[in-house]
Amino acid sequence: MEISGTILNILEEQKGEGRNGPWRKQEFIVETEGMYPRKVCIAVWGDKIDQFDLKVGEKVTASVNIESREFNGRWYTDVKAWKLDKASNSQSDAGQEMPPFSDVPPPPEAPPMPSEEDDLPF
């Protein structure tokens, strides 16, 4: 699954020690585009933190895995990025307004209104 949008915030890196050794995790918030934008918290694990080199304001497309797990009767969902593509012009178009839709055809014209001479009862 892919999620595209603009990075709004990068949270502090978290570190810990597990049974398989040390781990690192960093989460970032992406706001999707469209008529109803959504904010999504995406996690990056391990060496991918350095590889992705995240910056606030960048437009990205994240390939993610979504997984839910149950703990003590509650469900928790993780959105984990395994690949990240950055838009090539993310810095140049920051703050610019989106152009209007030029390839959308206009709606069809409404049919003519009936005249008083019609025999319709309504």
PDB file of N, CA and C in Angstrom:
ATOM      1  N   MET A   1       0.845  -1.164   0.000  1.00  0.00           N
ATOM      2  CA  MET A   1       0.000   0.000   0.000  1.00  0.00           C
ATOM      3  C   MET A   1       0.898   1.237   0.000  1.00  0.00           C
ATOM      4  N   GLU A   2       0.443   2.297  -0.641  1.00  0.00           N
ATOM      5  CA  GLU A   2       1.208   3.546  -0.678  1.00  0.00           C
ATOM      6  C   GLU A   2       0.393   4.692  -0.104  1.00  0.00           C
ATOM      7  N   ILE A   3       1.095   5.586   0.587  1.00  0.00           N
ATOM      8  CA  ILE A   3       0.493   6.796   1.144  1.00  0.00           C
ATOM      9  C   ILE A   3       1.327   7.967   0.658  1.00  0.00           C
ATOM     10  N   SER A   4       0.679   8.938  -0.002  1.00  0.00           N
ATOM     11  CA  SER A   4       1.380  10.117  -0.515  1.00  0.00           C
ATOM     12  C   SER A   4       0.905  11.355   0.215  1.00  0.00           C
ATOM     13  N   GLY A   5       1.841  12.274   0.445  1.00  0.00           N
ATOM     14  CA  GLY A   5       1.494  13.519   1.094  1.00  0.00           C
ATOM     15  C   GLY A   5       2.719  14.311   1.475  1.00  0.00           C
ATOM     16  N   THR A   6       2.517  15.296   2.331  1.00  0.00           N
ATOM     17  CA  THR A   6       3.571  16.200   2.785  1.00  0.00           C
ATOM     18  C   THR A   6       3.908  15.893   4.241  1.00  0.00           C
ATOM     19  N   ILE A   7       5.211  15.852   4.550  1.00  0.00           N
ATOM     20  CA  ILE A   7       5.637  15.603   5.928  1.00  0.00           C
ATOM     21  C   ILE A   7       5.357  16.851   6.757  1.00  0.00           C
ATOM     22  N   LEU A   8       4.524  16.707   7.786  1.00  0.00           N
ATOM     23  CA  LEU A   8       4.177  17.824   8.666  1.00  0.00           C
ATOM     24  C   LEU A   8       5.087  17.905   9.874  1.00  0.00           C
ATOM     25  N   ASN A   9       5.486  16.741  10.402  1.00  0.00           N
ATOM     26  CA  ASN A   9       6.249  16.717  11.643  1.00  0.00           C
ATOM     27  C   ASN A   9       7.075  15.438  11.689  1.00  0.00           C
ATOM     28  N   ILE A  10       8.249  15.531  12.303  1.00  0.00           N
ATOM     29  CA  ILE A  10       9.106  14.368  12.522  1.00  0.00           C
ATOM     30  C   ILE A  10       9.290  14.243  14.027  1.00  0.00           C
ATOM     31  N   LEU A  11       8.855  13.132  14.585  1.00  0.00           N
ATOM     32  CA  LEU A  11       8.916  12.925  16.029  1.00  0.00           C
ATOM     33  C   LEU A  11      10.311  12.451  16.443  1.00  0.00           C
ATOM     34  N   GLU A  12      10.581  12.531  17.736  1.00  0.00           N
ATOM     35  CA  GLU A  12      11.882  12.131  18.272  1.00  0.00           C
ATOM     36  C   GLU A  12      12.137  10.643  18.024  1.00  0.00           C
ATOM     37  N   GLU A  13      13.400  10.333  17.745  1.00  0.00           N
ATOM     38  CA  GLU A  13      13.790   8.937  17.566  1.00  0.00           C
ATOM     39  C   GLU A  13      13.702   8.209  18.903  1.00  0.00           C
ATOM     40  N   GLN A  14      13.188   6.991  18.865  1.00  0.00           N
ATOM     41  CA  GLN A  14      13.085   6.158  20.055  1.00  0.00           C
ATOM     42  C   GLN A  14      14.086   5.011  19.936  1.00  0.00           C
ATOM     43  N   LYS A  15      14.734   4.655  21.047  1.00  0.00           N
ATOM     44  CA  LYS A  15      15.714   3.573  21.057  1.00  0.00           C
ATOM     45  C   LYS A  15      15.413   2.661  22.217  1.00  0.00           C
ATOM     46  N   GLY A  16      15.805   1.416  22.060  1.00  0.00           N
ATOM     47  CA  GLY A  16      15.598   0.475  23.145  1.00  0.00           C
ATOM     48  C   GLY A  16      16.397  -0.788  22.945  1.00  0.00           C
ATOM     49  N   GLU A  17      16.253  -1.669  23.894  1.00  0.00           N
ATOM     50  CA  GLU A  17      16.951  -2.956  23.862  1.00  0.00           C
ATOM     51  C   GLU A  17      15.896  -4.049  23.975  1.00  0.00           C
ATOM     52  N   GLY A  18      15.870  -4.933  22.992  1.00  0.00           N
ATOM     53  CA  GLY A  18      14.928  -6.044  23.000  1.00  0.00           C
ATOM     54  C   GLY A  18      15.661  -7.363  23.106  1.00  0.00           C
ATOM     55  N   ARG A  19      14.907  -8.447  23.056  1.00  0.00           N
ATOM     56  CA  ARG A  19      15.541  -9.758  23.156  1.00  0.00           C
ATOM     57  C   ARG A  19      16.418 -10.069  21.949  1.00  0.00           C
ATOM     58  N   ASN A  20      16.190  -9.376  20.820  1.00  0.00           N
ATOM     59  CA  ASN A  20      17.018  -9.564  19.618  1.00  0.00           C
ATOM     60  C   ASN A  20      18.110  -8.511  19.498  1.00  0.00           C
ATOM     61  N   GLY A  21      18.287  -7.686  20.500  1.00  0.00           N
ATOM     62  CA  GLY A  21      19.313  -6.657  20.465  1.00  0.00           C
ATOM     63  C   GLY A  21      18.717  -5.270  20.438  1.00  0.00           C
ATOM     64  N   PRO A  22      19.561  -4.251  20.162  1.00  0.00           N
ATOM     65  CA  PRO A  22      19.076  -2.868  20.157  1.00  0.00           C
ATOM     66  C   PRO A  22      18.159  -2.589  18.958  1.00  0.00           C
ATOM     67  N   TRP A  23      17.238  -1.649  19.165  1.00  0.00           N
ATOM     68  CA  TRP A  23      16.342  -1.234  18.085  1.00  0.00           C
ATOM     69  C   TRP A  23      16.201   0.281  18.078  1.00  0.00           C
ATOM     70  N   ARG A  24      15.839   0.824  16.906  1.00  0.00           N
ATOM     71  CA  ARG A  24      15.590   2.264  16.716  1.00  0.00           C
ATOM     72  C   ARG A  24      14.289   2.428  15.942  1.00  0.00           C
ATOM     73  N   LYS A  25      13.535   3.448  16.311  1.00  0.00           N
ATOM     74  CA  LYS A  25      12.280   3.741  15.619  1.00  0.00           C
ATOM     75  C   LYS A  25      12.079   5.250  15.589  1.00  0.00           C
ATOM     76  N   GLN A  26      11.621   5.762  14.440  1.00  0.00           N
ATOM     77  CA  GLN A  26      11.268   7.173  14.344  1.00  0.00           C
ATOM     78  C   GLN A  26       9.947   7.269  13.597  1.00  0.00           C
ATOM     79  N   GLU A  27       9.049   8.098  14.117  1.00  0.00           N
ATOM     80  CA  GLU A  27       7.749   8.284  13.494  1.00  0.00           C
ATOM     81  C   GLU A  27       7.668   9.678  12.883  1.00  0.00           C
ATOM     82  N   PHE A  28       6.917   9.777  11.780  1.00  0.00           N
ATOM     83  CA  PHE A  28       6.685  11.070  11.155  1.00  0.00           C
ATOM     84  C   PHE A  28       5.238  11.150  10.714  1.00  0.00           C
ATOM     85  N   ILE A  29       4.734  12.381  10.633  1.00  0.00           N
ATOM     86  CA  ILE A  29       3.337  12.628  10.294  1.00  0.00           C
ATOM     87  C   ILE A  29       3.256  13.124   8.858  1.00  0.00           C
ATOM     88  N   VAL A  30       2.423  12.444   8.058  1.00  0.00           N
ATOM     89  CA  VAL A  30       2.192  12.827   6.664  1.00  0.00           C
ATOM     90  C   VAL A  30       0.743  13.263   6.533  1.00  0.00           C
ATOM     91  N   GLU A  31       0.534  14.400   5.847  1.00  0.00           N
ATOM     92  CA  GLU A  31      -0.832  14.836   5.542  1.00  0.00           C
ATOM     93  C   GLU A  31      -1.092  14.536   4.080  1.00  0.00           C
ATOM     94  N   THR A  32      -2.117  13.743   3.811  1.00  0.00           N
ATOM     95  CA  THR A  32      -2.449  13.372   2.439  1.00  0.00           C
ATOM     96  C   THR A  32      -3.078  14.558   1.721  1.00  0.00           C
ATOM     97  N   GLU A  33      -3.123  14.471   0.403  1.00  0.00           N
ATOM     98  CA  GLU A  33      -3.714  15.530  -0.408  1.00  0.00           C
ATOM     99  C   GLU A  33      -5.118  15.123  -0.804  1.00  0.00           C
ATOM    100  N   GLY A  34      -5.836  16.034  -1.408  1.00  0.00           N
ATOM    101  CA  GLY A  34      -7.169  15.725  -1.880  1.00  0.00           C
ATOM    102  C   GLY A  34      -8.216  16.567  -1.185  1.00  0.00           C
ATOM    103  N   MET A  35      -9.467  16.260  -1.479  1.00  0.00           N
ATOM    104  CA  MET A  35     -10.570  17.032  -0.928  1.00  0.00           C
ATOM    105  C   MET A  35     -10.677  16.856   0.586  1.00  0.00           C
ATOM    106  N   TYR A  36     -10.385  15.654   1.079  1.00  0.00           N
ATOM    107  CA  TYR A  36     -10.460  15.370   2.507  1.00  0.00           C
ATOM    108  C   TYR A  36      -9.099  14.877   2.997  1.00  0.00           C
ATOM    109  N   PRO A  37      -8.154  15.795   3.262  1.00  0.00           N
ATOM    110  CA  PRO A  37      -6.817  15.361   3.687  1.00  0.00           C
ATOM    111  C   PRO A  37      -6.857  14.672   5.047  1.00  0.00           C
ATOM    112  N   ARG A  38      -5.989  13.686   5.193  1.00  0.00           N
ATOM    113  CA  ARG A  38      -5.874  12.929   6.439  1.00  0.00           C
ATOM    114  C   ARG A  38      -4.440  13.001   6.932  1.00  0.00           C
ATOM    115  N   LYS A  39      -4.278  12.945   8.228  1.00  0.00           N
ATOM    116  CA  LYS A  39      -2.947  12.882   8.829  1.00  0.00           C
ATOM    117  C   LYS A  39      -2.691  11.428   9.228  1.00  0.00           C
ATOM    118  N   VAL A  40      -1.502  10.922   8.843  1.00  0.00           N
ATOM    119  CA  VAL A  40      -1.144   9.536   9.117  1.00  0.00           C
ATOM    120  C   VAL A  40       0.223   9.515   9.789  1.00  0.00           C
ATOM    121  N   CYS A  41       0.325   8.786  10.896  1.00  0.00           N
ATOM    122  CA  CYS A  41       1.600   8.605  11.588  1.00  0.00           C
ATOM    123  C   CYS A  41       2.250   7.341  11.037  1.00  0.00           C
ATOM    124  N   ILE A  42       3.449   7.500  10.463  1.00  0.00           N
ATOM    125  CA  ILE A  42       4.171   6.397   9.833  1.00  0.00           C
ATOM    126  C   ILE A  42       5.469   6.175  10.597  1.00  0.00           C
ATOM    127  N   ALA A  43       5.802   4.912  10.866  1.00  0.00           N
ATOM    128  CA  ALA A  43       7.019   4.562  11.598  1.00  0.00           C
ATOM    129  C   ALA A  43       8.092   4.060  10.630  1.00  0.00           C
ATOM    130  N   VAL A  44       9.344   4.421  10.937  1.00  0.00           N
ATOM    131  CA  VAL A  44      10.513   3.931  10.203  1.00  0.00           C
ATOM    132  C   VAL A  44      11.401   3.245  11.232  1.00  0.00           C
ATOM    133  N   TRP A  45      11.908   2.067  10.894  1.00  0.00           N
ATOM    134  CA  TRP A  45      12.703   1.276  11.833  1.00  0.00           C
ATOM    135  C   TRP A  45      14.135   1.114  11.352  1.00  0.00           C
ATOM    136  N   GLY A  46      15.063   1.061  12.297  1.00  0.00           N
ATOM    137  CA  GLY A  46      16.459   0.697  12.045  1.00  0.00           C
ATOM    138  C   GLY A  46      17.218   1.654  11.143  1.00  0.00           C
ATOM    139  N   ASP A  47      18.013   1.069  10.235  1.00  0.00           N
ATOM    140  CA  ASP A  47      18.884   1.853   9.351  1.00  0.00           C
ATOM    141  C   ASP A  47      18.116   2.699   8.348  1.00  0.00           C
ATOM    142  N   LYS A  48      16.847   2.392   8.121  1.00  0.00           N
ATOM    143  CA  LYS A  48      16.053   3.178   7.176  1.00  0.00           C
ATOM    144  C   LYS A  48      15.866   4.618   7.666  1.00  0.00           C
ATOM    145  N   ILE A  49      16.018   4.846   8.966  1.00  0.00           N
ATOM    146  CA  ILE A  49      15.917   6.210   9.508  1.00  0.00           C
ATOM    147  C   ILE A  49      16.965   7.095   8.845  1.00  0.00           C
ATOM    148  N   ASP A  50      18.207   6.623   8.792  1.00  0.00           N
ATOM    149  CA  ASP A  50      19.287   7.388   8.160  1.00  0.00           C
ATOM    150  C   ASP A  50      19.146   7.389   6.645  1.00  0.00           C
ATOM    151  N   GLN A  51      18.714   6.285   6.081  1.00  0.00           N
ATOM    152  CA  GLN A  51      18.581   6.151   4.629  1.00  0.00           C
ATOM    153  C   GLN A  51      17.534   7.114   4.065  1.00  0.00           C
ATOM    154  N   PHE A  52      16.391   7.259   4.743  1.00  0.00           N
ATOM    155  CA  PHE A  52      15.312   8.102   4.232  1.00  0.00           C
ATOM    156  C   PHE A  52      15.605   9.588   4.389  1.00  0.00           C
ATOM    157  N   ASP A  53      16.365  10.006   5.389  1.00  0.00           N
ATOM    158  CA  ASP A  53      16.742  11.405   5.610  1.00  0.00           C
ATOM    159  C   ASP A  53      15.526  12.333   5.481  1.00  0.00           C
ATOM    160  N   LEU A  54      14.596  12.197   6.389  1.00  0.00           N
ATOM    161  CA  LEU A  54      13.330  12.920   6.348  1.00  0.00           C
ATOM    162  C   LEU A  54      13.503  14.402   6.673  1.00  0.00           C
ATOM    163  N   LYS A  55      12.692  15.243   6.004  1.00  0.00           N
ATOM    164  CA  LYS A  55      12.682  16.679   6.264  1.00  0.00           C
ATOM    165  C   LYS A  55      11.234  17.172   6.246  1.00  0.00           C
ATOM    166  N   VAL A  56      10.895  18.049   7.168  1.00  0.00           N
ATOM    167  CA  VAL A  56       9.553  18.634   7.228  1.00  0.00           C
ATOM    168  C   VAL A  56       9.314  19.432   5.947  1.00  0.00           C
ATOM    169  N   GLY A  57       8.138  19.294   5.361  1.00  0.00           N
ATOM    170  CA  GLY A  57       7.768  20.021   4.154  1.00  0.00           C
ATOM    171  C   GLY A  57       7.978  19.228   2.874  1.00  0.00           C
ATOM    172  N   GLU A  58       8.677  18.099   2.934  1.00  0.00           N
ATOM    173  CA  GLU A  58       8.905  17.297   1.734  1.00  0.00           C
ATOM    174  C   GLU A  58       7.636  16.559   1.345  1.00  0.00           C
ATOM    175  N   LYS A  59       7.436  16.438   0.036  1.00  0.00           N
ATOM    176  CA  LYS A  59       6.343  15.625  -0.489  1.00  0.00           C
ATOM    177  C   LYS A  59       6.910  14.237  -0.731  1.00  0.00           C
ATOM    178  N   VAL A  60       6.245  13.237  -0.171  1.00  0.00           N
ATOM    179  CA  VAL A  60       6.748  11.870  -0.235  1.00  0.00           C
ATOM    180  C   VAL A  60       5.631  10.895  -0.593  1.00  0.00           C
ATOM    181  N   THR A  61       6.060   9.736  -1.086  1.00  0.00           N
ATOM    182  CA  THR A  61       5.176   8.595  -1.255  1.00  0.00           C
ATOM    183  C   THR A  61       5.816   7.446  -0.495  1.00  0.00           C
ATOM    184  N   ALA A  62       5.137   6.981   0.546  1.00  0.00           N
ATOM    185  CA  ALA A  62       5.666   5.921   1.392  1.00  0.00           C
ATOM    186  C   ALA A  62       4.970   4.611   1.058  1.00  0.00           C
ATOM    187  N   SER A  63       5.764   3.577   0.795  1.00  0.00           N
ATOM    188  CA  SER A  63       5.235   2.224   0.662  1.00  0.00           C
ATOM    189  C   SER A  63       5.210   1.652   2.072  1.00  0.00           C
ATOM    190  N   VAL A  64       4.045   1.216   2.509  1.00  0.00           N
ATOM    191  CA  VAL A  64       3.878   0.836   3.913  1.00  0.00           C
ATOM    192  C   VAL A  64       3.229  -0.535   4.057  1.00  0.00           C
ATOM    193  N   ASN A  65       3.459  -1.132   5.205  1.00  0.00           N
ATOM    194  CA  ASN A  65       2.732  -2.310   5.666  1.00  0.00           C
ATOM    195  C   ASN A  65       1.910  -1.870   6.862  1.00  0.00           C
ATOM    196  N   ILE A  66       0.658  -2.310   6.904  1.00  0.00           N
ATOM    197  CA  ILE A  66      -0.225  -1.981   8.020  1.00  0.00           C
ATOM    198  C   ILE A  66      -0.496  -3.271   8.789  1.00  0.00           C
ATOM    199  N   GLU A  67      -0.297  -3.212  10.101  1.00  0.00           N
ATOM    200  CA  GLU A  67      -0.468  -4.403  10.928  1.00  0.00           C
ATOM    201  C   GLU A  67      -1.112  -4.008  12.250  1.00  0.00           C
ATOM    202  N   SER A  68      -2.058  -4.819  12.698  1.00  0.00           N
ATOM    203  CA  SER A  68      -2.695  -4.606  13.996  1.00  0.00           C
ATOM    204  C   SER A  68      -2.370  -5.784  14.906  1.00  0.00           C
ATOM    205  N   ARG A  69      -2.282  -5.499  16.205  1.00  0.00           N
ATOM    206  CA  ARG A  69      -2.035  -6.560  17.180  1.00  0.00           C
ATOM    207  C   ARG A  69      -2.831  -6.253  18.446  1.00  0.00           C
ATOM    208  N   GLU A  70      -3.149  -7.307  19.172  1.00  0.00           N
ATOM    209  CA  GLU A  70      -3.938  -7.184  20.391  1.00  0.00           C
ATOM    210  C   GLU A  70      -3.024  -7.314  21.610  1.00  0.00           C
ATOM    211  N   PHE A  71      -3.265  -6.468  22.601  1.00  0.00           N
ATOM    212  CA  PHE A  71      -2.525  -6.526  23.856  1.00  0.00           C
ATOM    213  C   PHE A  71      -3.483  -6.158  24.978  1.00  0.00           C
ATOM    214  N   ASN A  72      -3.689  -7.066  25.900  1.00  0.00           N
ATOM    215  CA  ASN A  72      -4.580  -6.850  27.055  1.00  0.00           C
ATOM    216  C   ASN A  72      -5.978  -6.384  26.646  1.00  0.00           C
ATOM    217  N   GLY A  73      -6.518  -6.993  25.607  1.00  0.00           N
ATOM    218  CA  GLY A  73      -7.877  -6.674  25.176  1.00  0.00           C
ATOM    219  C   GLY A  73      -8.021  -5.427  24.324  1.00  0.00           C
ATOM    220  N   ARG A  74      -6.930  -4.750  24.027  1.00  0.00           N
ATOM    221  CA  ARG A  74      -6.968  -3.549  23.164  1.00  0.00           C
ATOM    222  C   ARG A  74      -6.194  -3.830  21.893  1.00  0.00           C
ATOM    223  N   TRP A  75      -6.588  -3.174  20.812  1.00  0.00           N
ATOM    224  CA  TRP A  75      -5.926  -3.357  19.520  1.00  0.00           C
ATOM    225  C   TRP A  75      -5.099  -2.136  19.185  1.00  0.00           C
ATOM    226  N   TYR A  76      -3.900  -2.376  18.666  1.00  0.00           N
ATOM    227  CA  TYR A  76      -2.970  -1.319  18.274  1.00  0.00           C
ATOM    228  C   TYR A  76      -2.582  -1.539  16.816  1.00  0.00           C
ATOM    229  N   THR A  77      -2.526  -0.470  16.048  1.00  0.00           N
ATOM    230  CA  THR A  77      -2.202  -0.555  14.629  1.00  0.00           C
ATOM    231  C   THR A  77      -0.919   0.212  14.345  1.00  0.00           C
ATOM    232  N   ASP A  78      -0.022  -0.422  13.592  1.00  0.00           N
ATOM    233  CA  ASP A  78       1.234   0.197  13.163  1.00  0.00           C
ATOM    234  C   ASP A  78       1.214   0.380  11.656  1.00  0.00           C
ATOM    235  N   VAL A  79       1.706   1.521  11.205  1.00  0.00           N
ATOM    236  CA  VAL A  79       1.921   1.786   9.786  1.00  0.00           C
ATOM    237  C   VAL A  79       3.433   1.920   9.626  1.00  0.00           C
ATOM    238  N   LYS A  80       4.064   0.909   9.023  1.00  0.00           N
ATOM    239  CA  LYS A  80       5.526   0.865   8.925  1.00  0.00           C
ATOM    240  C   LYS A  80       5.964   1.077   7.480  1.00  0.00           C
ATOM    241  N   ALA A  81       6.832   2.061   7.263  1.00  0.00           N
ATOM    242  CA  ALA A  81       7.353   2.344   5.921  1.00  0.00           C
ATOM    243  C   ALA A  81       8.527   1.428   5.623  1.00  0.00           C
ATOM    244  N   TRP A  82       8.524   0.835   4.434  1.00  0.00           N
ATOM    245  CA  TRP A  82       9.655   0.025   4.010  1.00  0.00           C
ATOM    246  C   TRP A  82      10.342   0.631   2.782  1.00  0.00           C
ATOM    247  N   LYS A  83       9.707   1.630   2.176  1.00  0.00           N
ATOM    248  CA  LYS A  83      10.279   2.340   1.028  1.00  0.00           C
ATOM    249  C   LYS A  83       9.713   3.748   1.040  1.00  0.00           C
ATOM    250  N   LEU A  84      10.534   4.715   0.609  1.00  0.00           N
ATOM    251  CA  LEU A  84      10.090   6.105   0.596  1.00  0.00           C
ATOM    252  C   LEU A  84      10.608   6.780  -0.662  1.00  0.00           C
ATOM    253  N   ASP A  85       9.703   7.347  -1.458  1.00  0.00           N
ATOM    254  CA  ASP A  85      10.068   8.112  -2.654  1.00  0.00           C
ATOM    255  C   ASP A  85       9.762   9.572  -2.394  1.00  0.00           C
ATOM    256  N   LYS A  86      10.747  10.414  -2.678  1.00  0.00           N
ATOM    257  CA  LYS A  86      10.561  11.858  -2.488  1.00  0.00           C
ATOM    258  C   LYS A  86      10.248  12.500  -3.824  1.00  0.00           C
ATOM    259  N   ALA A  87       9.349  13.500  -3.812  1.00  0.00           N
ATOM    260  CA  ALA A  87       9.046  14.264  -5.019  1.00  0.00           C
ATOM    261  C   ALA A  87      10.259  15.107  -5.366  1.00  0.00           C
ATOM    262  N   SER A  88      10.604  15.172  -6.643  1.00  0.00           N
ATOM    263  CA  SER A  88      11.821  15.878  -7.061  1.00  0.00           C
ATOM    264  C   SER A  88      11.726  17.379  -6.873  1.00  0.00           C
ATOM    265  N   ASN A  89      10.520  17.936  -6.888  1.00  0.00           N
ATOM    266  CA  ASN A  89      10.380  19.390  -6.771  1.00  0.00           C
ATOM    267  C   ASN A  89       9.690  19.784  -5.478  1.00  0.00           C
ATOM    268  N   SER A  90       9.907  19.029  -4.393  1.00  0.00           N
ATOM    269  CA  SER A  90       9.192  19.306  -3.144  1.00  0.00           C
ATOM    270  C   SER A  90       9.564  20.650  -2.543  1.00  0.00           C
ATOM    271  N   GLN A  91      10.802  21.082  -2.680  1.00  0.00           N
ATOM    272  CA  GLN A  91      11.205  22.354  -2.091  1.00  0.00           C
ATOM    273  C   GLN A  91      10.768  23.537  -2.953  1.00  0.00           C
ATOM    274  N   SER A  92      10.736  23.355  -4.280  1.00  0.00           N
ATOM    275  CA  SER A  92      10.434  24.493  -5.156  1.00  0.00           C
ATOM    276  C   SER A  92       8.959  24.863  -5.160  1.00  0.00           C
ATOM    277  N   ASP A  93       8.058  23.878  -4.922  1.00  0.00           N
ATOM    278  CA  ASP A  93       6.645  24.220  -4.999  1.00  0.00           C
ATOM    279  C   ASP A  93       6.009  24.361  -3.620  1.00  0.00           C
ATOM    280  N   ALA A  94       6.794  24.420  -2.579  1.00  0.00           N
ATOM    281  CA  ALA A  94       6.231  24.616  -1.245  1.00  0.00           C
ATOM    282  C   ALA A  94       5.581  25.987  -1.150  1.00  0.00           C
ATOM    283  N   GLY A  95       4.345  26.008  -0.710  1.00  0.00           N
ATOM    284  CA  GLY A  95       3.638  27.267  -0.564  1.00  0.00           C
ATOM    285  C   GLY A  95       2.940  27.748  -1.823  1.00  0.00           C
ATOM    286  N   GLN A  96       3.149  27.066  -2.957  1.00  0.00           N
ATOM    287  CA  GLN A  96       2.460  27.479  -4.172  1.00  0.00           C
ATOM    288  C   GLN A  96       1.078  26.857  -4.202  1.00  0.00           C
ATOM    289  N   GLU A  97       0.165  27.543  -4.861  1.00  0.00           N
ATOM    290  CA  GLU A  97      -1.198  27.072  -4.955  1.00  0.00           C
ATOM    291  C   GLU A  97      -1.315  26.067  -6.091  1.00  0.00           C
ATOM    292  N   MET A  98      -2.161  25.067  -5.908  1.00  0.00           N
ATOM    293  CA  MET A  98      -2.377  24.067  -6.942  1.00  0.00           C
ATOM    294  C   MET A  98      -3.119  24.711  -8.121  1.00  0.00           C
ATOM    295  N   PRO A  99      -2.754  24.362  -9.362  1.00  0.00           N
ATOM    296  CA  PRO A  99      -3.470  24.918 -10.512  1.00  0.00           C
ATOM    297  C   PRO A  99      -4.882  24.339 -10.578  1.00  0.00           C
ATOM    298  N   PRO A 100      -5.814  25.075 -11.199  1.00  0.00           N
ATOM    299  CA  PRO A 100      -7.178  24.559 -11.307  1.00  0.00           C
ATOM    300  C   PRO A 100      -7.210  23.344 -12.235  1.00  0.00           C
ATOM    301  N   PHE A 101      -8.243  22.532 -12.083  1.00  0.00           N
ATOM    302  CA  PHE A 101      -8.398  21.364 -12.944  1.00  0.00           C
ATOM    303  C   PHE A 101      -8.760  21.833 -14.345  1.00  0.00           C
ATOM    304  N   SER A 102      -7.846  21.636 -15.292  1.00  0.00           N
ATOM    305  CA  SER A 102      -8.104  22.086 -16.651  1.00  0.00           C
ATOM    306  C   SER A 102      -8.561  20.953 -17.552  1.00  0.00           C
ATOM    307  N   ASP A 103      -8.337  19.709 -17.136  1.00  0.00           N
ATOM    308  CA  ASP A 103      -8.699  18.586 -17.986  1.00  0.00           C
ATOM    309  C   ASP A 103     -10.060  17.985 -17.634  1.00  0.00           C
ATOM    310  N   VAL A 104     -10.780  18.605 -16.697  1.00  0.00           N
ATOM    311  CA  VAL A 104     -12.098  18.118 -16.324  1.00  0.00           C
ATOM    312  C   VAL A 104     -13.131  18.794 -17.223  1.00  0.00           C
ATOM    313  N   PRO A 105     -13.942  17.998 -17.933  1.00  0.00           N
ATOM    314  CA  PRO A 105     -14.933  18.613 -18.824  1.00  0.00           C
ATOM    315  C   PRO A 105     -16.031  19.296 -18.020  1.00  0.00           C
ATOM    316  N   PRO A 106     -16.643  20.345 -18.582  1.00  0.00           N
ATOM    317  CA  PRO A 106     -17.733  21.020 -17.872  1.00  0.00           C
ATOM    318  C   PRO A 106     -18.948  20.096 -17.784  1.00  0.00           C
ATOM    319  N   PRO A 107     -19.825  20.317 -16.813  1.00  0.00           N
ATOM    320  CA  PRO A 107     -21.016  19.469 -16.707  1.00  0.00           C
ATOM    321  C   PRO A 107     -21.938  19.686 -17.896  1.00  0.00           C
ATOM    322  N   PRO A 108     -22.743  18.676 -18.238  1.00  0.00           N
ATOM    323  CA  PRO A 108     -23.654  18.841 -19.381  1.00  0.00           C
ATOM    324  C   PRO A 108     -24.707  19.903 -19.077  1.00  0.00           C
ATOM    325  N   GLU A 109     -25.214  20.506 -20.141  1.00  0.00           N
ATOM    326  CA  GLU A 109     -26.238  21.536 -19.961  1.00  0.00           C
ATOM    327  C   GLU A 109     -27.541  20.899 -19.523  1.00  0.00           C
ATOM    328  N   ALA A 110     -28.295  21.614 -18.709  1.00  0.00           N
ATOM    329  CA  ALA A 110     -29.573  21.117 -18.225  1.00  0.00           C
ATOM    330  C   ALA A 110     -30.586  21.113 -19.364  1.00  0.00           C
ATOM    331  N   PRO A 111     -31.517  20.153 -19.348  1.00  0.00           N
ATOM    332  CA  PRO A 111     -32.546  20.135 -20.400  1.00  0.00           C
ATOM    333  C   PRO A 111     -33.446  21.359 -20.264  1.00  0.00           C
ATOM    334  N   PRO A 112     -34.059  21.790 -21.373  1.00  0.00           N
ATOM    335  CA  PRO A 112     -34.918  22.980 -21.309  1.00  0.00           C
ATOM    336  C   PRO A 112     -36.120  22.737 -20.407  1.00  0.00           C
ATOM    337  N   MET A 113     -36.573  23.803 -19.765  1.00  0.00           N
ATOM    338  CA  MET A 113     -37.736  23.724 -18.881  1.00  0.00           C
ATOM    339  C   MET A 113     -38.996  23.565 -19.728  1.00  0.00           C
ATOM    340  N   PRO A 114     -39.962  22.770 -19.254  1.00  0.00           N
ATOM    341  CA  PRO A 114     -41.188  22.603 -20.020  1.00  0.00           C
ATOM    342  C   PRO A 114     -41.998  23.905 -20.025  1.00  0.00           C
ATOM    343  N   SER A 115     -42.718  24.100 -21.095  1.00  0.00           N
ATOM    344  CA  SER A 115     -43.562  25.307 -21.191  1.00  0.00           C
ATOM    345  C   SER A 115     -44.924  25.009 -20.585  1.00  0.00           C
ATOM    346  N   GLU A 116     -45.740  26.057 -20.442  1.00  0.00           N
ATOM    347  CA  GLU A 116     -47.062  25.905 -19.853  1.00  0.00           C
ATOM    348  C   GLU A 116     -48.013  25.138 -20.749  1.00  0.00           C
ATOM    349  N   GLU A 117     -47.666  24.951 -21.995  1.00  0.00           N
ATOM    350  CA  GLU A 117     -48.555  24.293 -22.940  1.00  0.00           C
ATOM    351  C   GLU A 117     -48.461  22.773 -22.853  1.00  0.00           C
ATOM    352  N   ASP A 118     -47.520  22.243 -22.043  1.00  0.00           N
ATOM    353  CA  ASP A 118     -47.398  20.785 -21.921  1.00  0.00           C
ATOM    354  C   ASP A 118     -48.654  20.219 -21.254  1.00  0.00           C
ATOM    355  N   ASP A 119     -48.964  18.991 -21.562  1.00  0.00           N
ATOM    356  CA  ASP A 119     -50.144  18.323 -20.996  1.00  0.00           C
ATOM    357  C   ASP A 119     -49.833  17.567 -19.716  1.00  0.00           C
ATOM    358  N   LEU A 120     -48.672  17.770 -19.151  1.00  0.00           N
ATOM    359  CA  LEU A 120     -48.295  17.042 -17.957  1.00  0.00           C
ATOM    360  C   LEU A 120     -49.037  17.600 -16.743  1.00  0.00           C
ATOM    361  N   PRO A 121     -49.479  16.756 -15.806  1.00  0.00           N
ATOM    362  CA  PRO A 121     -50.244  17.216 -14.670  1.00  0.00           C
ATOM    363  C   PRO A 121     -49.386  17.859 -13.563  1.00  0.00           C
ATOM    364  N   PHE A 122     -48.115  17.850 -13.700  1.00  0.00           N
ATOM    365  CA  PHE A 122     -47.283  18.438 -12.630  1.00  0.00           C
ATOM    366  C   PHE A 122     -46.398  19.522 -13.134  1.00  0.00           C
TER     367      PHE A 122
END
